[in-house]
N, C-alpha and C. Protein backbone atom coordinates (compact mmCIF):
# COMPACT_ATOMS: atom_id res chain seq x y z
N MET A 1 0.71 -1.09 0.07
CA MET A 1 -0.09 0.02 -0.08
C MET A 1 0.90 1.37 -0.01
N LYS A 2 1.97 1.28 0.90
CA LYS A 2 2.73 2.42 1.08
C LYS A 2 3.42 2.66 -0.42
N LYS A 3 3.86 1.62 -1.06
CA LYS A 3 4.41 1.84 -2.46
C LYS A 3 3.53 2.58 -3.44
N ILE A 4 2.23 2.25 -3.35
CA ILE A 4 1.32 2.68 -4.34
C ILE A 4 1.12 4.25 -4.00
N VAL A 5 0.89 4.52 -2.60
CA VAL A 5 0.82 5.89 -2.31
C VAL A 5 2.10 6.82 -2.86
N GLU A 6 3.17 6.19 -2.53
CA GLU A 6 4.50 6.73 -3.11
C GLU A 6 4.43 6.87 -4.57
N GLN A 7 4.08 5.88 -5.29
CA GLN A 7 4.02 6.16 -6.65
C GLN A 7 3.01 7.09 -7.18
N GLY A 8 1.92 7.22 -6.49
CA GLY A 8 0.98 8.20 -6.76
C GLY A 8 1.40 9.73 -6.62
N LEU A 9 2.20 9.77 -5.36
CA LEU A 9 2.56 11.13 -5.09
C LEU A 9 3.73 11.49 -6.13
N LEU A 10 4.71 10.53 -6.37
CA LEU A 10 5.73 10.74 -7.64
C LEU A 10 4.99 11.27 -8.80
N TYR A 11 4.08 10.55 -9.14
CA TYR A 11 3.42 10.85 -10.59
C TYR A 11 2.63 12.16 -10.27
N ASP A 12 1.88 12.58 -9.21
CA ASP A 12 1.18 13.81 -9.07
C ASP A 12 2.23 15.04 -9.22
N PHE A 13 3.26 14.78 -8.83
CA PHE A 13 4.46 15.95 -8.64
C PHE A 13 5.06 15.92 -10.19
N TYR A 14 5.48 14.81 -10.53
CA TYR A 14 6.38 14.80 -11.66
C TYR A 14 5.90 14.19 -12.98
N GLY A 15 4.69 13.62 -13.06
CA GLY A 15 4.22 12.95 -13.97
C GLY A 15 4.19 13.70 -15.34
N GLU A 16 4.05 15.02 -15.34
CA GLU A 16 3.95 15.65 -16.55
C GLU A 16 5.24 15.72 -17.30
N LEU A 17 6.22 15.32 -16.69
CA LEU A 17 7.80 15.26 -17.24
C LEU A 17 7.86 13.97 -17.92
N LEU A 18 6.91 13.02 -17.97
CA LEU A 18 7.03 11.77 -18.69
C LEU A 18 6.47 12.00 -20.20
N THR A 19 6.78 11.12 -20.92
CA THR A 19 6.22 11.26 -22.22
C THR A 19 4.76 10.69 -22.21
N ASP A 20 3.97 11.01 -23.30
CA ASP A 20 2.53 10.49 -23.31
C ASP A 20 2.37 8.97 -23.23
N HIS A 21 3.32 8.21 -23.85
CA HIS A 21 3.21 6.78 -23.65
C HIS A 21 3.68 6.23 -22.30
N GLN A 22 4.51 6.90 -21.75
CA GLN A 22 4.96 6.53 -20.45
C GLN A 22 3.82 6.88 -19.41
N LYS A 23 3.30 8.06 -19.55
CA LYS A 23 2.00 8.42 -18.67
C LYS A 23 0.91 7.29 -18.85
N GLU A 24 0.53 7.00 -20.11
CA GLU A 24 -0.50 6.14 -20.19
C GLU A 24 -0.27 4.76 -19.63
N ILE A 25 0.90 4.27 -19.69
CA ILE A 25 1.36 2.95 -19.24
C ILE A 25 1.35 3.06 -17.72
N TYR A 26 2.09 4.06 -17.09
CA TYR A 26 2.12 4.20 -15.74
C TYR A 26 0.79 4.27 -15.02
N GLU A 27 0.05 5.30 -15.54
CA GLU A 27 -1.38 5.46 -15.04
C GLU A 27 -2.20 4.05 -14.98
N ALA A 28 -2.05 3.31 -16.13
CA ALA A 28 -2.82 2.01 -16.21
C ALA A 28 -2.52 1.17 -15.02
N ALA A 29 -1.04 1.15 -14.72
CA ALA A 29 -0.55 0.23 -13.68
C ALA A 29 -0.88 0.77 -12.33
N VAL A 30 -0.71 2.08 -11.98
CA VAL A 30 -0.84 2.56 -10.75
C VAL A 30 -2.05 3.04 -10.35
N TYR A 31 -2.68 3.68 -11.23
CA TYR A 31 -4.15 4.31 -10.93
C TYR A 31 -5.32 3.25 -11.27
N ASN A 32 -5.02 2.63 -12.37
CA ASN A 32 -6.20 1.73 -12.75
C ASN A 32 -5.91 0.29 -12.44
N ASP A 33 -4.86 -0.04 -11.61
CA ASP A 33 -4.55 -1.27 -11.22
C ASP A 33 -4.67 -2.36 -12.08
N MET A 34 -4.20 -2.15 -13.25
CA MET A 34 -4.18 -3.03 -14.30
C MET A 34 -3.07 -4.11 -14.27
N SER A 35 -3.31 -5.35 -14.62
CA SER A 35 -2.01 -6.19 -14.40
C SER A 35 -1.05 -6.00 -15.84
N LEU A 36 0.07 -6.36 -15.59
CA LEU A 36 0.93 -6.36 -16.61
C LEU A 36 0.61 -6.94 -17.96
N THR A 37 -0.03 -8.00 -17.94
CA THR A 37 -0.56 -8.71 -19.07
C THR A 37 -1.68 -7.83 -19.66
N GLU A 38 -2.53 -7.42 -18.96
CA GLU A 38 -3.52 -6.55 -19.37
C GLU A 38 -3.18 -5.25 -20.29
N ILE A 39 -2.14 -4.54 -19.56
CA ILE A 39 -1.59 -3.38 -20.17
C ILE A 39 -0.82 -3.74 -21.42
N ALA A 40 0.06 -5.00 -21.46
CA ALA A 40 0.57 -5.31 -22.56
C ALA A 40 -0.27 -5.62 -23.71
N ASP A 41 -1.38 -6.37 -23.50
CA ASP A 41 -2.40 -6.69 -24.48
C ASP A 41 -3.05 -5.45 -25.12
N GLU A 42 -3.28 -4.48 -24.30
CA GLU A 42 -4.02 -3.37 -24.63
C GLU A 42 -3.12 -2.46 -25.51
N ASN A 43 -1.71 -2.54 -25.23
CA ASN A 43 -0.81 -1.62 -25.90
C ASN A 43 -0.05 -2.39 -26.96
N GLY A 44 -0.22 -3.55 -27.21
CA GLY A 44 0.62 -4.29 -28.15
C GLY A 44 2.10 -4.33 -27.98
N ILE A 45 2.39 -4.41 -26.68
CA ILE A 45 3.87 -4.74 -26.39
C ILE A 45 3.83 -5.99 -25.37
N SER A 46 5.13 -6.36 -25.11
CA SER A 46 5.26 -7.50 -24.23
C SER A 46 4.95 -7.07 -22.74
N LYS A 47 4.78 -8.35 -21.90
CA LYS A 47 4.68 -8.12 -20.50
C LYS A 47 5.88 -7.59 -19.84
N GLN A 48 7.02 -8.06 -20.34
CA GLN A 48 8.40 -7.70 -19.81
C GLN A 48 8.75 -6.07 -20.39
N GLY A 49 8.12 -5.84 -21.44
CA GLY A 49 8.31 -4.40 -21.78
C GLY A 49 7.49 -3.37 -20.89
N VAL A 50 6.34 -3.96 -20.53
CA VAL A 50 5.44 -3.13 -19.57
C VAL A 50 6.25 -2.95 -18.25
N HIS A 51 6.74 -4.10 -17.76
CA HIS A 51 7.37 -4.11 -16.53
C HIS A 51 8.57 -3.19 -16.41
N ASP A 52 9.32 -3.34 -17.51
CA ASP A 52 10.65 -2.48 -17.79
C ASP A 52 10.28 -0.93 -17.75
N LEU A 53 9.23 -0.71 -18.70
CA LEU A 53 8.71 0.74 -18.74
C LEU A 53 8.32 1.34 -17.35
N ILE A 54 7.51 0.50 -16.57
CA ILE A 54 7.04 0.98 -15.36
C ILE A 54 8.19 1.11 -14.31
N LYS A 55 9.25 0.32 -14.41
CA LYS A 55 10.27 0.42 -13.35
C LYS A 55 11.09 1.63 -13.84
N ARG A 56 11.24 1.81 -15.14
CA ARG A 56 12.31 3.06 -15.70
C ARG A 56 11.46 4.39 -15.25
N CYS A 57 10.27 4.39 -15.49
CA CYS A 57 9.36 5.62 -15.11
C CYS A 57 9.44 5.90 -13.48
N THR A 58 9.36 4.92 -12.94
CA THR A 58 9.59 4.96 -11.32
C THR A 58 10.96 5.55 -10.97
N ASN A 59 11.92 4.92 -11.56
CA ASN A 59 13.37 5.51 -11.36
C ASN A 59 13.45 6.93 -11.80
N THR A 60 12.94 7.20 -12.87
CA THR A 60 12.88 8.69 -13.44
C THR A 60 12.36 9.47 -12.46
N LEU A 61 10.99 9.32 -12.15
CA LEU A 61 10.24 10.04 -11.00
C LEU A 61 11.09 10.25 -9.73
N GLU A 62 11.51 9.11 -9.17
CA GLU A 62 12.38 9.09 -7.99
C GLU A 62 13.49 9.96 -8.17
N GLY A 63 14.23 9.95 -9.37
CA GLY A 63 15.29 10.83 -9.62
C GLY A 63 14.96 12.17 -9.70
N TYR A 64 13.75 12.71 -10.07
CA TYR A 64 13.44 13.87 -9.97
C TYR A 64 13.35 14.35 -8.59
N GLU A 65 12.66 13.49 -7.77
CA GLU A 65 12.31 13.86 -6.41
C GLU A 65 13.75 13.83 -5.63
N GLU A 66 14.79 13.07 -6.03
CA GLU A 66 16.17 13.13 -5.35
C GLU A 66 16.78 14.57 -5.68
N ARG A 67 16.31 15.18 -6.73
CA ARG A 67 17.06 16.39 -7.22
C ARG A 67 16.40 17.66 -6.74
N LEU A 68 14.96 17.53 -6.79
CA LEU A 68 14.11 18.65 -6.69
C LEU A 68 13.41 18.79 -5.14
N HIS A 69 13.32 17.62 -4.61
CA HIS A 69 12.69 17.58 -3.16
C HIS A 69 11.38 18.22 -3.12
N MET A 70 10.53 18.12 -4.14
CA MET A 70 9.10 18.85 -4.09
C MET A 70 8.29 18.07 -3.11
N ILE A 71 8.29 16.77 -3.09
CA ILE A 71 7.38 15.98 -2.20
C ILE A 71 7.84 16.15 -0.73
N ARG A 72 9.07 16.15 -0.46
CA ARG A 72 9.60 16.36 0.94
C ARG A 72 9.20 17.73 1.37
N ARG A 73 9.36 18.66 0.64
CA ARG A 73 9.03 20.00 0.89
C ARG A 73 7.53 20.24 1.07
N PHE A 74 6.76 19.66 0.15
CA PHE A 74 5.39 19.71 0.38
C PHE A 74 4.94 19.02 1.75
N GLU A 75 5.46 17.94 2.07
CA GLU A 75 5.09 17.37 3.33
C GLU A 75 5.40 17.98 4.52
N ALA A 76 6.56 18.74 4.51
CA ALA A 76 7.08 19.64 5.44
C ALA A 76 6.13 20.86 5.72
N ILE A 77 5.78 21.37 4.68
CA ILE A 77 4.95 22.64 4.61
C ILE A 77 3.39 22.07 5.22
N LYS A 78 3.06 21.04 4.64
CA LYS A 78 1.76 20.40 5.09
C LYS A 78 1.88 20.38 6.69
N ALA A 79 2.95 19.75 7.22
CA ALA A 79 2.99 19.54 8.64
C ALA A 79 3.06 20.84 9.42
N SER A 80 3.62 21.88 8.78
CA SER A 80 3.67 23.12 9.55
C SER A 80 2.27 23.71 9.49
N ALA A 81 1.56 23.46 8.51
CA ALA A 81 0.16 24.00 8.33
C ALA A 81 -0.71 23.30 9.39
N GLN A 82 -0.47 22.14 9.66
CA GLN A 82 -1.21 21.29 10.58
C GLN A 82 -0.86 21.91 11.96
N GLU A 83 0.42 22.11 12.25
CA GLU A 83 0.67 22.78 13.44
C GLU A 83 -0.02 24.02 13.77
N LEU A 84 -0.02 24.82 12.81
CA LEU A 84 -0.72 26.26 12.68
C LEU A 84 -2.21 25.86 13.18
N ASP A 85 -2.93 25.00 12.54
CA ASP A 85 -4.21 24.58 12.68
C ASP A 85 -4.49 24.05 14.23
N ASP A 86 -3.46 23.36 14.59
CA ASP A 86 -3.57 22.90 16.03
C ASP A 86 -3.41 23.99 17.06
N LEU A 87 -2.62 24.86 16.81
CA LEU A 87 -2.39 26.17 17.44
C LEU A 87 -3.63 27.02 17.76
N ALA A 88 -4.36 26.85 16.64
CA ALA A 88 -5.60 27.63 16.55
C ALA A 88 -6.77 27.15 17.40
N ASN A 89 -6.53 25.87 17.70
CA ASN A 89 -7.58 25.15 18.59
C ASN A 89 -7.20 25.14 20.21
N ASP A 90 -5.81 25.57 20.28
CA ASP A 90 -5.19 25.39 21.58
C ASP A 90 -5.57 26.83 22.51
N ASP A 91 -5.75 26.64 23.78
CA ASP A 91 -5.91 27.88 24.51
C ASP A 91 -4.60 28.33 25.24
N PHE A 92 -4.37 29.51 24.92
CA PHE A 92 -3.14 30.10 25.45
C PHE A 92 -3.33 31.23 26.47
N ALA A 93 -2.64 31.08 27.77
CA ALA A 93 -2.87 32.09 28.77
C ALA A 93 -1.95 33.30 28.28
N ASP A 94 -0.95 33.00 27.78
CA ASP A 94 0.16 34.13 27.41
C ASP A 94 0.24 34.23 25.92
N ALA A 95 -0.20 35.53 25.53
CA ALA A 95 -0.18 35.82 24.00
C ALA A 95 1.19 35.67 23.44
N SER A 96 2.11 36.16 24.24
CA SER A 96 3.58 36.02 23.81
C SER A 96 3.99 34.63 23.31
N GLU A 97 3.70 33.62 24.16
CA GLU A 97 3.81 32.24 23.90
C GLU A 97 3.43 31.79 22.60
N LEU A 98 2.09 32.21 22.32
CA LEU A 98 1.46 31.94 21.00
C LEU A 98 2.11 32.53 19.83
N LYS A 99 2.49 33.94 19.95
CA LYS A 99 3.35 34.65 19.02
C LYS A 99 4.45 33.97 18.76
N ASN A 100 5.17 33.53 19.80
CA ASN A 100 6.49 32.83 19.59
C ASN A 100 6.49 31.51 18.82
N ARG A 101 5.50 30.80 19.07
CA ARG A 101 5.06 29.47 18.42
C ARG A 101 4.88 29.69 16.99
N ILE A 102 3.97 30.76 16.65
CA ILE A 102 3.60 31.14 15.34
C ILE A 102 4.77 31.55 14.60
N ARG A 103 5.68 32.27 15.28
CA ARG A 103 6.93 32.74 14.40
C ARG A 103 7.68 31.65 14.03
N SER A 104 7.94 30.74 15.06
CA SER A 104 8.84 29.45 14.84
C SER A 104 8.22 28.74 13.51
N ILE A 105 6.91 28.53 13.66
CA ILE A 105 6.44 27.73 12.41
C ILE A 105 6.55 28.54 11.14
N SER A 106 6.34 29.78 11.05
CA SER A 106 6.45 30.57 9.74
C SER A 106 8.00 30.51 9.48
N VAL A 107 8.79 30.48 10.35
CA VAL A 107 10.10 30.41 9.84
C VAL A 107 10.48 29.11 9.21
N LYS A 108 9.85 28.10 9.79
CA LYS A 108 10.09 26.68 9.09
C LYS A 108 9.60 26.60 7.74
N ILE A 109 8.35 27.20 7.65
CA ILE A 109 7.77 27.29 6.25
C ILE A 109 8.41 28.08 5.29
N LEU A 110 9.00 29.27 5.72
CA LEU A 110 9.88 30.17 4.84
C LEU A 110 11.07 29.39 4.46
N GLU A 111 11.67 28.78 5.33
CA GLU A 111 12.89 28.11 4.90
C GLU A 111 12.62 26.82 3.90
N GLU A 112 11.44 26.15 4.11
CA GLU A 112 11.34 25.24 3.01
C GLU A 112 10.93 25.88 1.63
N LEU A 113 10.49 27.13 1.63
CA LEU A 113 10.09 27.68 0.50
C LEU A 113 11.40 28.40 -0.26
N THR A 114 12.56 28.53 0.55
CA THR A 114 13.59 29.20 -0.08
C THR A 114 14.85 28.11 -0.59
C-alpha cells in the first residue's frame, strides 16, 4: 500500500515530465490497477516491456524527487500548516507564547520555500 501511495505522489508531482506513452502505461498500472498482461495486450507490447517501462518511469520520477525535493518540501509545509491549525485550537494564557510558536512555524515554512 505504501508503495502505491509513493508512486501516486511521485506521479502527481512529476508525471507531466514523462512522455505521453509513459504516462499512459504508468497510469494504467498505478491508478487503474491493471495487470502487466492487461496493459501489454492493450498496448501491443510484451509483458516484460511493460514491466521495464514502469520500473524505468518509477526510477525517473524518484530521480526527479532526489534532485528537486518537491514532495519532501510539500510534506514539511503540510506538517507546519497542521501545527498552525492545532495552535488555533489551543488555549493560551500567554499571548507572547502563542506569538513565539507562530513565528517559529512561519520560519520553518519560509525555510522550506527558499
